[in-house]
Amino acid sequence: MESAQDLIDDYYICSLEGNRAIRAHYGKNIGALPRDFVNFNSVVFWGSEASISFIHGWRILREKYKVTIDVRLSETAKKSDKYYIVKPGSDAFLAIGIMKVLIEKNPPSIVNLEEVRERVEKYDFNIIIRATGLSLNDIEELGKIYYEHKPLTVIGFALGRTINGGHSVGLISLLPSLVGLRRGFFYQNSDWGIDFNYLRGLHVSGPSRVIGMGEVGEAIESGEVEFIFVWNANPVVTLPGGDRIEKYVREGKVFLVVHDPFWSETAKIANVLLPAKTFLEKEDIVYSYWHNYLVYNEPIRNGPGVTEVELMRLLSKEYGISHPLIDESPWEAVNYAIKATGINIEQLKREKIVEIIPEVKEEVSLEPFPEPWELKIPSSDSKYLVFSSHPNYTNSQFKEIYGKRDAVVYNSDYEGEGELITKYGKAKVLFKKKEGLPNNVLFIFKNSLVGLDGKR
């Protein structure tokens, strides 16, 4: 029997693997804070297109000594002082290789170097070189950079969704501790003490079932889903198989209700469309995946539409439904959820922005540290499709301003229209050659969500 928390964990498609890895090593998923960024003289961007997708951090770090590790020559790599192109899925091996270099230098570590040595000695440099595609000199150079510069390490979300993903994020996060840095990494700061399980109502009941976002198209096609309520999302475009939602709604096999402030592709095909308020038109409490402040969001106008809470209460009144989760004051719920932060709603509404002082433990655990048989060496015969942000778009947004983008797959070999085929399906795309891409790496901007044939 799955627990409610197991079901809730299925909601996370961005960073669950990395979050769990960092919590295992550090107790909480909290790394360097913005004020800490200023104190570093150098930075390693590991799998992060920071100059485009982390612009607030890039603004602080752009003048520092910069090193990029990625599977392609990214825009961030082009703007860095040094860059290293590795094979997709080999990041865990590279982190272990850097550890092997560091322990020979005997740095002032906050972890037991002999315990690290026992673990990394199981990995031969020849295996690491074959897995990463880097030379021994490259790996030693990176070890020297960590030893001499003690850089901040910015870890990209995408690493968690690659081969050996969870271990990769965890091992990379350990590197700063080997050179004496406490939480000298940034991945996602989110363990502020906010009780999200309470806000999700798990103290009363859990969901009976959760369908993974990548499985919604299949669930619709199999007839498991006949009614869809979409809340501030655009699944027709952003979900794999989203074209199936459109197909079955138009055929009358699925009834679609959308609550959204924007005239999205999903809103345009809805059976019922309910206007929502934007963040400029409603009260809210905002927390960050980066800085440690809670923010009281005040509306600047009373725009059209209804908030999420108002809609649920209107529906419950219409259907004559009474439930503790509907009847509870949302401000009382939030006040309870944030009490572990030491902040209350009254203070937050009065001061508008309040700092959270996170409690973090000093100890660093090396576990889980993978055995060699646990790490998969990526195949050199496979093609790997990688994604990143476009500077003008956020997923399916901003087409109205910058225009619709075609599904262009950048690569080193092919030019012209063709099909991109995986075990999950195929889509018609436009292939374009681009410098800086290894022959087994294909790159597409993540806002290019719809194939030339309409396939998602």
Protein backbone atom coordinates (compact mmCIF):
# COMPACT_ATOMS: atom_id res chain seq x y z
CA MET A 1 0.00 0.00 0.00
CA GLU A 2 1.42 3.37 -1.03
CA SER A 3 1.50 6.04 1.67
CA ALA A 4 0.03 9.48 1.06
CA GLN A 5 3.57 10.87 0.98
CA ASP A 6 4.59 8.33 -1.68
CA LEU A 7 1.67 9.50 -3.80
CA ILE A 8 2.50 13.16 -3.22
CA ASP A 9 6.14 12.51 -4.20
CA ASP A 10 4.81 11.50 -7.62
CA TYR A 11 3.84 15.14 -8.17
CA TYR A 12 7.47 16.21 -8.43
CA ILE A 13 8.83 16.00 -11.98
CA CYS A 14 11.57 18.61 -11.69
CA SER A 15 13.97 17.66 -8.95
CA LEU A 16 12.82 14.82 -6.69
CA GLU A 17 15.87 12.61 -7.28
CA GLY A 18 18.31 15.41 -6.52
CA ASN A 19 16.32 16.64 -3.52
CA ARG A 20 16.36 13.22 -1.92
CA ALA A 21 20.07 12.77 -2.59
CA ILE A 22 21.00 16.10 -0.99
CA ARG A 23 18.75 15.45 2.01
CA ALA A 24 20.48 12.11 2.51
CA HIS A 25 23.90 13.82 2.64
CA TYR A 26 23.00 17.07 4.39
CA GLY A 27 19.72 16.46 6.22
CA LYS A 28 17.93 19.27 4.40
CA ASN A 29 17.79 20.49 0.83
CA ILE A 30 19.45 23.81 1.55
CA GLY A 31 22.70 24.89 -0.05
CA ALA A 32 24.30 28.28 -0.56
CA LEU A 33 22.05 31.32 -0.14
CA PRO A 34 22.21 34.43 -2.37
CA ARG A 35 24.27 36.28 0.24
CA ASP A 36 26.76 33.38 0.15
CA PHE A 37 27.17 33.66 -3.62
CA VAL A 38 28.90 37.01 -3.20
CA ASN A 39 31.66 35.50 -1.04
CA PHE A 40 32.88 32.98 -3.64
CA ASN A 41 35.64 33.96 -6.06
CA SER A 42 34.73 31.26 -8.58
CA VAL A 43 31.88 29.03 -9.69
CA VAL A 44 31.37 25.70 -11.44
CA PHE A 45 28.16 25.49 -13.47
CA TRP A 46 27.51 21.76 -13.66
CA GLY A 47 24.75 20.92 -16.15
CA SER A 48 23.27 24.41 -15.71
CA GLU A 49 22.49 26.86 -18.50
CA ALA A 50 22.77 29.58 -15.87
CA SER A 51 23.21 32.55 -18.19
CA ILE A 52 19.69 31.90 -19.52
CA SER A 53 17.72 29.91 -16.93
CA PHE A 54 19.31 31.21 -13.69
CA ILE A 55 19.71 34.87 -14.55
CA HIS A 56 19.33 36.16 -10.97
CA GLY A 57 22.24 33.96 -9.90
CA TRP A 58 24.18 34.70 -13.08
CA ARG A 59 24.00 38.41 -12.32
CA ILE A 60 25.95 37.83 -9.10
CA LEU A 61 28.39 35.29 -10.55
CA ARG A 62 29.07 36.49 -14.08
CA GLU A 63 32.24 38.45 -13.19
CA LYS A 64 33.77 35.60 -11.19
CA TYR A 65 36.07 32.85 -12.50
CA LYS A 66 33.66 30.51 -14.25
CA VAL A 67 33.90 26.82 -15.20
CA THR A 68 31.14 24.95 -17.03
CA ILE A 69 30.64 21.18 -17.20
CA ASP A 70 28.01 20.11 -19.72
CA VAL A 71 27.23 17.66 -22.51
CA ARG A 72 27.31 20.41 -25.14
CA LEU A 73 28.85 23.79 -25.78
CA SER A 74 26.12 25.79 -24.06
CA GLU A 75 25.78 29.56 -23.98
CA THR A 76 27.04 29.47 -20.40
CA ALA A 77 30.07 27.43 -21.50
CA LYS A 78 30.85 30.02 -24.17
CA LYS A 79 30.85 32.74 -21.49
CA SER A 80 33.01 30.74 -19.06
CA ASP A 81 36.76 30.84 -18.52
CA LYS A 82 36.98 27.06 -18.97
CA TYR A 83 34.54 24.39 -20.03
CA TYR A 84 34.50 20.60 -20.20
CA ILE A 85 32.20 18.57 -22.47
CA VAL A 86 31.30 15.21 -20.92
CA LYS A 87 29.29 12.24 -22.12
CA PRO A 88 25.60 12.32 -21.13
CA GLY A 89 24.92 10.50 -17.86
CA SER A 90 28.58 10.35 -16.80
CA ASP A 91 28.46 13.07 -14.12
CA ALA A 92 28.60 10.65 -11.18
CA PHE A 93 31.80 9.15 -12.59
CA LEU A 94 33.35 12.59 -13.05
CA ALA A 95 32.50 13.61 -9.48
CA ILE A 96 34.20 10.45 -8.21
CA GLY A 97 37.22 11.14 -10.42
CA ILE A 98 37.55 14.64 -8.94
CA MET A 99 37.31 13.10 -5.45
CA LYS A 100 40.16 10.73 -6.33
CA VAL A 101 42.30 13.72 -7.29
CA LEU A 102 41.35 15.73 -4.20
CA ILE A 103 42.11 13.08 -1.59
CA GLU A 104 45.68 12.89 -2.87
CA LYS A 105 46.03 16.62 -2.18
CA ASN A 106 44.78 16.15 1.41
CA PRO A 107 42.62 19.31 1.55
CA PRO A 108 41.14 20.68 4.83
CA SER A 109 37.98 18.61 4.48
CA ILE A 110 34.86 18.54 6.67
CA VAL A 111 34.33 14.86 5.81
CA ASN A 112 36.62 11.96 6.66
CA LEU A 113 38.98 11.71 3.67
CA GLU A 114 40.00 8.15 4.52
CA GLU A 115 36.35 7.10 4.34
CA VAL A 116 36.14 8.85 0.98
CA ARG A 117 39.30 7.05 -0.14
CA GLU A 118 37.81 3.66 0.76
CA ARG A 119 34.85 4.36 -1.49
CA VAL A 120 36.55 5.94 -4.50
CA GLU A 121 39.40 3.40 -4.65
CA LYS A 122 36.85 0.95 -6.05
CA TYR A 123 36.72 3.08 -9.21
CA ASP A 124 39.55 2.81 -11.71
CA PHE A 125 40.55 5.95 -13.59
CA ASN A 126 40.35 4.06 -16.87
CA ILE A 127 36.64 3.41 -16.23
CA ILE A 128 36.08 7.06 -15.32
CA ILE A 129 37.88 8.23 -18.47
CA ARG A 130 35.86 5.84 -20.65
CA ALA A 131 32.57 6.88 -19.02
CA THR A 132 33.13 10.65 -19.16
CA GLY A 133 35.09 11.03 -22.38
CA LEU A 134 37.52 13.34 -20.57
CA SER A 135 41.26 12.79 -20.36
CA LEU A 136 43.10 12.14 -17.10
CA ASN A 137 44.62 15.60 -17.48
CA ASP A 138 41.11 17.14 -17.68
CA ILE A 139 40.00 15.38 -14.49
CA GLU A 140 43.18 16.36 -12.66
CA GLU A 141 42.70 19.95 -13.83
CA LEU A 142 39.18 20.00 -12.41
CA GLY A 143 40.48 18.56 -9.15
CA LYS A 144 43.06 21.34 -9.03
CA ILE A 145 40.33 23.97 -9.62
CA TYR A 146 38.33 22.63 -6.68
CA TYR A 147 41.44 22.44 -4.49
CA GLU A 148 42.80 25.91 -5.29
CA HIS A 149 39.67 27.98 -6.02
CA LYS A 150 37.10 26.30 -3.73
CA PRO A 151 34.29 27.28 -6.13
CA LEU A 152 30.58 27.48 -5.57
CA THR A 153 29.00 24.57 -7.47
CA VAL A 154 25.69 25.31 -9.22
CA ILE A 155 23.99 22.00 -10.03
CA GLY A 156 21.43 21.95 -12.84
CA PHE A 157 17.98 20.37 -12.34
CA ALA A 158 18.43 18.29 -15.48
CA LEU A 159 21.10 16.13 -13.83
CA GLY A 160 18.48 14.46 -11.66
CA ARG A 161 16.67 13.23 -14.77
CA THR A 162 19.70 11.66 -16.41
CA ILE A 163 21.30 8.23 -16.14
CA ASN A 164 22.59 7.82 -12.55
CA GLY A 165 20.74 11.08 -11.84
CA GLY A 166 20.18 10.94 -8.07
CA HIS A 167 23.71 9.72 -7.38
CA SER A 168 25.13 12.38 -9.72
CA VAL A 169 23.49 15.24 -7.83
CA GLY A 170 24.44 13.79 -4.45
CA LEU A 171 28.09 13.16 -5.36
CA ILE A 172 28.51 16.59 -6.95
CA SER A 173 27.05 18.22 -3.83
CA LEU A 174 29.71 16.44 -1.74
CA LEU A 175 32.65 17.94 -3.64
CA PRO A 176 32.63 21.29 -1.77
CA SER A 177 32.74 19.45 1.57
CA LEU A 178 35.98 17.75 0.53
CA VAL A 179 37.70 21.15 0.33
CA GLY A 180 36.28 22.47 3.60
CA LEU A 181 33.16 24.27 2.33
CA ARG A 182 29.89 23.88 4.20
CA ARG A 183 27.01 23.79 1.73
CA GLY A 184 29.17 25.17 -1.04
CA PHE A 185 26.64 24.13 -3.67
CA PHE A 186 23.31 25.34 -5.00
CA TYR A 187 20.67 23.00 -6.38
CA GLN A 188 17.30 24.00 -4.96
CA ASN A 189 16.75 25.58 -1.55
CA SER A 190 13.34 24.43 -0.40
CA ASP A 191 13.45 22.93 3.12
CA TRP A 192 12.37 26.08 4.95
CA GLY A 193 10.16 24.29 7.46
CA ILE A 194 6.89 24.94 5.63
CA ASP A 195 4.42 22.10 6.20
CA PHE A 196 3.26 21.47 2.66
CA ASN A 197 1.67 18.17 3.68
CA TYR A 198 -0.73 20.15 5.85
CA LEU A 199 -1.51 22.53 2.99
CA ARG A 200 -2.16 19.52 0.76
CA GLY A 201 -4.62 18.20 3.32
CA LEU A 202 -2.73 15.00 4.09
CA HIS A 203 -3.59 15.36 7.79
CA VAL A 204 -7.18 14.65 6.77
CA SER A 205 -6.85 12.36 3.75
CA GLY A 206 -4.61 11.52 0.83
CA PRO A 207 -5.34 11.18 -2.87
CA SER A 208 -6.78 7.84 -3.90
CA ARG A 209 -4.59 7.79 -6.98
CA VAL A 210 -1.96 9.87 -8.72
CA ILE A 211 -1.31 9.63 -12.46
CA GLY A 212 2.20 10.72 -13.39
CA MET A 213 2.30 13.74 -15.67
CA GLY A 214 4.13 11.73 -18.31
CA GLU A 215 1.37 9.09 -18.21
CA VAL A 216 -1.70 11.31 -18.63
CA GLY A 217 -1.85 10.79 -22.41
CA GLU A 218 -1.81 7.00 -22.02
CA ALA A 219 -4.43 7.12 -19.24
CA ILE A 220 -6.75 9.12 -21.48
CA GLU A 221 -6.22 6.81 -24.44
CA SER A 222 -6.94 3.72 -22.33
CA GLY A 223 -10.24 5.20 -21.13
CA GLU A 224 -9.15 5.54 -17.49
CA VAL A 225 -9.81 9.28 -17.54
CA GLU A 226 -13.08 10.83 -18.71
CA PHE A 227 -13.04 14.15 -16.84
CA ILE A 228 -10.10 16.56 -16.53
CA PHE A 229 -9.88 19.67 -14.37
CA VAL A 230 -6.88 21.81 -15.35
CA TRP A 231 -5.67 24.45 -12.93
CA ASN A 232 -3.22 27.07 -14.22
CA ALA A 233 -1.50 24.71 -16.64
CA ASN A 234 -1.32 24.05 -20.38
CA PRO A 235 -1.14 20.24 -20.65
CA VAL A 236 -2.26 20.09 -24.28
CA VAL A 237 1.16 21.51 -25.13
CA THR A 238 3.41 20.75 -22.17
CA LEU A 239 2.63 17.10 -21.37
CA PRO A 240 3.93 14.12 -23.36
CA GLY A 241 1.01 12.91 -25.43
CA GLY A 242 -0.87 16.16 -24.83
CA ASP A 243 -2.27 15.93 -28.35
CA ARG A 244 -4.35 12.99 -27.08
CA ILE A 245 -6.11 15.34 -24.66
CA GLU A 246 -7.10 17.56 -27.56
CA LYS A 247 -8.15 14.59 -29.72
CA TYR A 248 -10.43 13.02 -27.10
CA VAL A 249 -11.93 16.33 -25.97
CA ARG A 250 -12.86 17.15 -29.58
CA GLU A 251 -14.34 13.65 -29.98
CA GLY A 252 -16.42 14.11 -26.81
CA LYS A 253 -14.76 11.23 -24.96
CA VAL A 254 -13.20 13.50 -22.32
CA PHE A 255 -14.84 16.49 -20.61
CA LEU A 256 -12.35 19.31 -19.95
CA VAL A 257 -12.69 22.13 -17.42
CA VAL A 258 -9.95 24.78 -17.31
CA HIS A 259 -9.33 27.40 -14.62
CA ASP A 260 -6.66 29.73 -15.97
CA PRO A 261 -5.95 33.46 -16.41
CA PHE A 262 -4.52 32.96 -19.91
CA TRP A 263 -5.99 32.05 -23.29
CA SER A 264 -3.77 28.98 -23.66
CA GLU A 265 -4.03 26.09 -26.13
CA THR A 266 -5.76 24.05 -23.42
CA ALA A 267 -8.17 26.86 -22.55
CA LYS A 268 -9.17 27.18 -26.22
CA ILE A 269 -10.52 23.62 -26.39
CA ALA A 270 -12.12 23.49 -22.92
CA ASN A 271 -15.76 22.46 -22.51
CA VAL A 272 -15.94 24.88 -19.59
CA LEU A 273 -13.49 27.77 -19.10
CA LEU A 274 -13.30 29.58 -15.76
CA PRO A 275 -11.23 32.77 -15.57
CA ALA A 276 -8.60 32.81 -12.82
CA LYS A 277 -6.82 35.72 -11.19
CA THR A 278 -3.14 36.39 -11.77
CA PHE A 279 -0.72 36.95 -8.90
CA LEU A 280 -1.23 40.69 -9.46
CA GLU A 281 -4.90 40.31 -8.52
CA LYS A 282 -4.91 38.16 -5.38
CA GLU A 283 -3.35 37.79 -1.97
CA ASP A 284 -0.80 35.04 -1.60
CA ILE A 285 2.27 33.92 0.31
CA VAL A 286 5.39 33.44 -1.80
CA TYR A 287 8.47 31.42 -0.93
CA SER A 288 11.57 30.82 -3.01
CA TYR A 289 13.70 27.92 -4.24
CA TRP A 290 16.69 30.25 -3.87
CA HIS A 291 16.46 32.96 -1.22
CA ASN A 292 15.28 32.52 2.38
CA TYR A 293 12.45 35.05 2.58
CA LEU A 294 8.68 34.72 2.84
CA VAL A 295 6.81 37.40 0.91
CA TYR A 296 3.26 38.63 1.37
CA ASN A 297 1.86 39.19 -2.11
CA GLU A 298 -0.68 42.01 -2.26
CA PRO A 299 -2.98 42.54 -5.26
CA ILE A 300 -2.58 45.77 -7.19
CA ARG A 301 -6.11 45.59 -8.60
CA ASN A 302 -9.30 43.58 -8.33
CA GLY A 303 -9.27 41.95 -11.74
CA PRO A 304 -11.80 39.59 -13.35
CA GLY A 305 -12.01 35.94 -12.41
CA VAL A 306 -11.98 34.00 -9.15
CA THR A 307 -9.14 32.66 -7.03
CA GLU A 308 -8.58 28.95 -6.51
CA VAL A 309 -10.02 29.06 -2.99
CA GLU A 310 -13.07 31.03 -4.09
CA LEU A 311 -13.77 28.58 -6.90
CA MET A 312 -13.60 25.50 -4.65
CA ARG A 313 -15.93 27.13 -2.14
CA LEU A 314 -18.40 28.18 -4.83
CA LEU A 315 -18.44 24.62 -6.18
CA SER A 316 -18.88 23.10 -2.72
CA LYS A 317 -21.80 25.47 -2.07
CA GLU A 318 -23.38 24.56 -5.40
CA TYR A 319 -23.11 20.84 -4.64
CA GLY A 320 -23.98 21.15 -0.96
CA ILE A 321 -20.65 19.73 0.10
CA SER A 322 -19.07 20.44 3.47
CA HIS A 323 -15.54 19.33 4.27
CA PRO A 324 -12.93 20.46 6.84
CA LEU A 325 -10.42 21.26 4.08
CA ILE A 326 -12.93 23.53 2.33
CA ASP A 327 -14.33 25.14 5.47
CA GLU A 328 -10.96 25.97 7.07
CA SER A 329 -9.78 29.55 6.67
CA PRO A 330 -6.92 29.58 4.13
CA TRP A 331 -5.02 32.08 6.29
CA GLU A 332 -5.35 29.82 9.33
CA ALA A 333 -4.07 26.92 7.22
CA VAL A 334 -1.07 28.92 6.02
CA ASN A 335 -0.40 30.21 9.53
CA TYR A 336 -0.25 26.63 10.79
CA ALA A 337 1.94 25.51 7.87
CA ILE A 338 4.57 28.24 8.38
CA LYS A 339 4.78 28.10 12.19
CA ALA A 340 8.02 26.08 12.09
CA THR A 341 9.67 29.01 10.29
CA GLY A 342 9.08 31.20 13.34
CA ILE A 343 6.92 33.54 11.24
CA ASN A 344 3.18 34.15 11.50
CA ILE A 345 0.66 35.68 9.12
CA GLU A 346 0.14 38.79 11.23
CA GLN A 347 3.86 39.57 11.13
CA LEU A 348 4.09 38.78 7.43
CA LYS A 349 1.19 41.04 6.47
CA ARG A 350 2.68 43.81 8.58
CA GLU A 351 6.30 43.56 7.41
CA LYS A 352 5.60 42.24 3.86
CA ILE A 353 8.96 40.44 3.57
CA VAL A 354 10.36 38.35 6.44
CA GLU A 355 13.60 36.37 6.54
CA ILE A 356 13.53 32.66 7.37
CA ILE A 357 16.48 31.52 9.48
CA PRO A 358 16.89 27.86 8.41
CA GLU A 359 18.16 25.27 10.86
CA VAL A 360 20.80 23.09 9.23
CA LYS A 361 22.99 20.40 10.72
CA GLU A 362 26.76 20.59 10.57
CA GLU A 363 27.42 16.91 9.85
CA VAL A 364 27.75 15.63 6.29
CA SER A 365 26.99 12.00 5.49
CA LEU A 366 28.81 10.19 2.69
CA GLU A 367 25.91 7.80 2.34
CA PRO A 368 24.45 6.81 0.00
CA PHE A 369 27.70 6.36 -1.92
CA PRO A 370 27.19 4.09 -4.94
CA GLU A 371 29.12 0.90 -5.49
CA PRO A 372 30.61 0.55 -9.00
CA TRP A 373 27.96 -1.96 -10.01
CA GLU A 374 25.21 0.56 -9.15
CA LEU A 375 26.35 3.11 -11.74
CA LYS A 376 25.50 2.56 -15.37
CA ILE A 377 28.08 3.53 -17.97
CA PRO A 378 26.18 5.38 -20.72
CA SER A 379 26.20 3.71 -24.11
CA SER A 380 28.29 5.45 -26.76
CA ASP A 381 26.02 3.99 -29.45
CA SER A 382 22.88 5.74 -28.21
CA LYS A 383 21.61 9.18 -29.13
CA TYR A 384 20.75 11.49 -26.22
CA LEU A 385 18.13 14.23 -26.50
CA VAL A 386 18.85 17.14 -24.13
CA PHE A 387 16.80 20.25 -23.39
CA SER A 388 17.38 23.74 -22.08
CA SER A 389 15.64 27.09 -21.85
CA HIS A 390 15.33 29.64 -24.61
CA PRO A 391 16.00 33.24 -23.52
CA ASN A 392 12.67 34.48 -24.92
CA TYR A 393 10.30 31.74 -23.76
CA THR A 394 9.13 29.95 -20.62
CA ASN A 395 7.79 26.59 -21.76
CA SER A 396 4.56 27.40 -23.64
CA GLN A 397 4.42 31.10 -22.72
CA PHE A 398 5.36 34.25 -24.66
CA LYS A 399 4.50 32.93 -28.14
CA GLU A 400 2.14 35.90 -28.42
CA ILE A 401 5.15 38.21 -28.10
CA TYR A 402 7.97 36.39 -29.91
CA GLY A 403 6.02 34.09 -32.21
CA LYS A 404 5.62 30.35 -32.39
CA ARG A 405 8.82 28.29 -32.54
CA ASP A 406 9.16 25.27 -34.78
CA ALA A 407 10.40 21.99 -33.37
CA VAL A 408 14.08 22.29 -34.32
CA VAL A 409 16.49 19.57 -33.23
CA TYR A 410 20.11 20.74 -33.31
CA ASN A 411 22.76 18.12 -33.96
CA SER A 412 26.12 17.49 -35.62
CA ASP A 413 25.04 15.33 -38.58
CA TYR A 414 21.57 15.95 -39.99
CA GLU A 415 19.93 18.79 -41.91
CA GLY A 416 16.31 19.00 -43.04
CA GLU A 417 12.94 17.56 -42.04
CA GLY A 418 12.80 14.14 -40.47
CA GLU A 419 11.38 12.09 -37.61
CA LEU A 420 12.54 11.94 -34.02
CA ILE A 421 11.75 8.40 -32.82
CA THR A 422 11.91 7.03 -29.27
CA LYS A 423 10.32 4.04 -27.58
CA TYR A 424 7.49 6.38 -26.52
CA GLY A 425 6.56 7.52 -30.00
CA LYS A 426 7.71 9.74 -32.82
CA ALA A 427 7.36 13.33 -34.00
CA LYS A 428 8.17 15.20 -37.19
CA VAL A 429 10.91 17.79 -36.61
CA LEU A 430 13.37 20.00 -38.42
CA PHE A 431 17.01 18.95 -37.99
CA LYS A 432 19.70 21.64 -38.06
CA LYS A 433 23.44 21.29 -37.71
CA LYS A 434 25.07 23.21 -34.89
CA GLU A 435 28.65 23.48 -33.67
CA GLY A 436 29.53 22.30 -30.18
CA LEU A 437 27.33 19.19 -30.16
CA PRO A 438 28.95 15.73 -29.90
CA ASN A 439 27.71 13.29 -32.52
CA ASN A 440 25.51 11.40 -30.05
CA VAL A 441 23.85 14.50 -28.53
CA LEU A 442 20.68 16.10 -29.93
CA PHE A 443 19.57 19.45 -28.51
CA ILE A 444 16.15 21.10 -28.51
CA PHE A 445 14.84 24.17 -26.70
CA LYS A 446 12.25 23.00 -24.18
CA ASN A 447 9.66 25.47 -25.45
CA SER A 448 9.67 23.63 -28.83
CA LEU A 449 6.95 21.40 -27.45
CA VAL A 450 4.96 20.52 -30.56
CA GLY A 451 6.29 18.57 -33.55
CA LEU A 452 5.74 19.76 -37.12
CA ASP A 453 2.98 17.14 -37.30
CA GLY A 454 1.31 18.35 -34.08
CA LYS A 455 2.68 15.51 -31.95
CA ARG A 456 3.65 16.28 -28.35
